[in-house]
Amino acid sequence: MLIDLHLCRAAKVLGRRATQFITRRSHSGQAAVEFAMISTLALAVMVVGIQLAIIGQAALAVSQASYLGARAASVDETLTTGTLSSAVASKISPTISGASFTLSNTADPTCGPPRAYGCPITVTVSYNASSKIFLPSNTLLGLTFPTNLTATESAVTE
């Protein structure tokens, strides 16, 4: 109430411009507090978003690697689980270096190497993404990020 009385007197004496200046100046602390609260929240959301983007990129690379492995195994009937990873090593993303490849015949056990035309195969790629996670698992929101990424792709020998 006392401030309003002083502002009214100042408005009469100094005019409208001075009153606007005094009013703006008295609210600058509130803006700083609001900015501090919003910027903290925005920074937390941004860091979680970056973490999710890194994990998502690794998951996409694992999925692409399983497709490339299935394609390579369907074209080259002599590939086995041991030789599959070296066959597609130059084609997969360096993000998932150290991923493990597994090649299996899903339906017919007689389709052993070399595989005949039409033999079904399945390629599974597994990757441990715990080295990509930089946030603690016990965050305030209870978020847990996946550490074991797996993708499976099926194909038929050509």
Protein backbone atom coordinates (compact mmCIF):
# COMPACT_ATOMS: atom_id res chain seq x y z
CA MET A 1 0.00 0.00 0.00
CA LEU A 2 2.80 2.36 0.92
CA ILE A 3 4.60 1.63 -2.38
CA ASP A 4 1.44 2.37 -4.35
CA LEU A 5 1.10 5.71 -2.57
CA HIS A 6 4.69 6.62 -3.44
CA LEU A 7 4.17 5.55 -7.07
CA CYS A 8 1.08 7.73 -7.32
CA ARG A 9 3.01 10.72 -5.96
CA ALA A 10 5.91 9.97 -8.31
CA ALA A 11 3.54 9.76 -11.26
CA LYS A 12 2.14 13.18 -10.47
CA VAL A 13 5.54 14.74 -10.01
CA LEU A 14 7.65 12.99 -12.66
CA GLY A 15 5.09 11.91 -15.20
CA ARG A 16 4.16 8.64 -16.78
CA ARG A 17 7.63 7.69 -18.08
CA ALA A 18 9.22 7.69 -14.65
CA THR A 19 6.43 5.52 -13.26
CA GLN A 20 6.93 2.91 -15.98
CA PHE A 21 10.67 2.87 -15.29
CA ILE A 22 10.15 2.42 -11.55
CA THR A 23 7.60 -0.36 -12.09
CA ARG A 24 9.82 -2.29 -14.52
CA ARG A 25 12.81 -1.99 -12.27
CA SER A 26 10.98 -3.40 -9.26
CA HIS A 27 10.07 -6.66 -11.12
CA SER A 28 13.54 -7.54 -12.43
CA GLY A 29 14.29 -9.87 -9.50
CA GLN A 30 11.20 -11.94 -10.22
CA ALA A 31 12.34 -12.53 -13.78
CA ALA A 32 15.73 -13.75 -12.58
CA VAL A 33 14.14 -16.26 -10.21
CA GLU A 34 11.77 -17.51 -12.91
CA PHE A 35 14.65 -17.85 -15.36
CA ALA A 36 16.67 -19.85 -12.82
CA MET A 37 13.81 -22.28 -12.26
CA ILE A 38 12.93 -22.71 -15.93
CA SER A 39 16.55 -23.00 -17.10
CA THR A 40 17.25 -25.77 -14.58
CA LEU A 41 14.25 -27.73 -15.78
CA ALA A 42 15.13 -27.09 -19.43
CA LEU A 43 18.72 -28.25 -18.87
CA ALA A 44 17.52 -31.49 -17.24
CA VAL A 45 15.14 -32.19 -20.14
CA MET A 46 17.91 -31.47 -22.64
CA VAL A 47 20.39 -33.84 -20.95
CA VAL A 48 17.81 -36.67 -20.80
CA GLY A 49 16.99 -36.00 -24.46
CA ILE A 50 20.65 -36.27 -25.43
CA GLN A 51 20.93 -39.57 -23.53
CA LEU A 52 17.86 -40.95 -25.28
CA ALA A 53 19.24 -39.85 -28.66
CA ILE A 54 22.52 -41.68 -28.04
CA ILE A 55 20.73 -44.89 -27.01
CA GLY A 56 18.31 -44.55 -29.93
CA GLN A 57 21.15 -44.15 -32.38
CA ALA A 58 22.83 -47.30 -31.03
CA ALA A 59 19.52 -49.22 -31.25
CA LEU A 60 19.10 -48.11 -34.86
CA ALA A 61 22.67 -49.22 -35.63
CA VAL A 62 21.99 -52.66 -34.08
CA SER A 63 18.84 -53.03 -36.19
CA GLN A 64 20.71 -52.04 -39.34
CA ALA A 65 23.52 -54.46 -38.49
CA SER A 66 21.06 -57.36 -38.17
CA TYR A 67 19.62 -56.50 -41.59
CA LEU A 68 23.10 -56.32 -43.14
CA GLY A 69 24.04 -59.63 -41.50
CA ALA A 70 20.92 -61.37 -42.78
CA ARG A 71 21.49 -60.00 -46.26
CA ALA A 72 25.13 -61.10 -46.29
CA ALA A 73 24.24 -64.58 -44.99
CA SER A 74 21.47 -65.01 -47.57
CA VAL A 75 23.82 -64.16 -50.44
CA ASP A 76 26.90 -66.07 -49.21
CA GLU A 77 25.84 -69.60 -48.25
CA THR A 78 29.20 -70.42 -46.67
CA LEU A 79 29.00 -67.81 -43.88
CA THR A 80 28.79 -69.12 -40.32
CA THR A 81 28.39 -67.43 -36.96
CA GLY A 82 32.18 -67.13 -36.68
CA THR A 83 32.70 -65.53 -40.09
CA LEU A 84 29.58 -63.37 -40.19
CA SER A 85 30.89 -60.57 -37.98
CA SER A 86 34.06 -60.16 -40.06
CA ALA A 87 32.00 -60.21 -43.29
CA VAL A 88 29.87 -57.23 -42.25
CA ALA A 89 32.44 -55.43 -40.07
CA SER A 90 33.19 -52.78 -42.69
CA LYS A 91 29.49 -52.08 -43.29
CA ILE A 92 28.16 -51.62 -39.75
CA SER A 93 28.25 -48.41 -37.76
CA PRO A 94 31.37 -47.83 -35.64
CA THR A 95 28.98 -46.84 -32.85
CA ILE A 96 28.37 -50.51 -32.05
CA SER A 97 31.88 -51.87 -32.39
CA GLY A 98 32.07 -55.04 -30.36
CA ALA A 99 28.54 -56.23 -31.15
CA SER A 100 28.05 -59.98 -31.29
CA PHE A 101 26.46 -61.75 -34.27
CA THR A 102 24.62 -65.08 -34.14
CA LEU A 103 23.53 -66.95 -37.25
CA SER A 104 21.00 -69.76 -36.91
CA ASN A 105 18.85 -71.92 -39.14
CA THR A 106 15.33 -71.51 -37.86
CA ALA A 107 13.41 -74.35 -39.48
CA ASP A 108 15.58 -76.96 -41.14
CA PRO A 109 18.67 -78.39 -39.41
CA THR A 110 19.74 -80.02 -42.68
CA CYS A 111 20.52 -76.59 -44.12
CA GLY A 112 24.04 -76.72 -42.68
CA PRO A 113 26.96 -75.07 -44.44
CA PRO A 114 26.91 -74.64 -47.31
CA ARG A 115 23.25 -73.75 -47.23
CA ALA A 116 21.06 -74.71 -50.16
CA TYR A 117 18.70 -72.39 -52.01
CA GLY A 118 15.65 -71.49 -49.90
CA CYS A 119 17.07 -72.33 -46.48
CA PRO A 120 15.71 -69.97 -43.81
CA ILE A 121 18.25 -68.20 -41.59
CA THR A 122 18.05 -65.82 -38.68
CA VAL A 123 20.69 -63.30 -37.67
CA THR A 124 20.66 -61.86 -34.16
CA VAL A 125 22.85 -58.92 -33.19
CA SER A 126 23.43 -58.11 -29.52
CA TYR A 127 25.19 -55.06 -28.14
CA ASN A 128 25.90 -53.99 -24.57
CA ALA A 129 25.22 -50.23 -24.53
CA SER A 130 26.20 -49.61 -20.90
CA SER A 131 29.27 -47.66 -22.06
CA LYS A 132 26.96 -45.17 -23.83
CA ILE A 133 24.97 -44.27 -20.71
CA PHE A 134 26.31 -41.26 -18.83
CA LEU A 135 23.31 -40.56 -16.57
CA PRO A 136 22.83 -42.47 -13.30
CA SER A 137 20.10 -45.09 -13.33
CA ASN A 138 18.46 -43.72 -10.19
CA THR A 139 17.28 -40.37 -11.52
CA LEU A 140 14.49 -38.37 -9.92
CA LEU A 141 11.97 -39.53 -12.49
CA GLY A 142 12.90 -43.20 -12.12
CA LEU A 143 14.14 -43.47 -15.71
CA THR A 144 16.16 -46.52 -16.59
CA PHE A 145 17.89 -46.66 -19.92
CA PRO A 146 18.27 -49.96 -21.82
CA THR A 147 21.73 -51.44 -21.70
CA ASN A 148 21.31 -54.64 -23.75
CA LEU A 149 20.22 -53.92 -27.30
CA THR A 150 19.18 -56.85 -29.51
CA ALA A 151 17.77 -57.06 -33.03
CA THR A 152 16.80 -60.11 -35.07
CA GLU A 153 16.35 -60.35 -38.83
CA SER A 154 15.29 -63.36 -40.90
CA ALA A 155 16.08 -64.13 -44.52
CA VAL A 156 16.16 -66.99 -47.00
CA THR A 157 19.30 -68.18 -48.80
CA GLU A 158 19.31 -67.05 -52.41
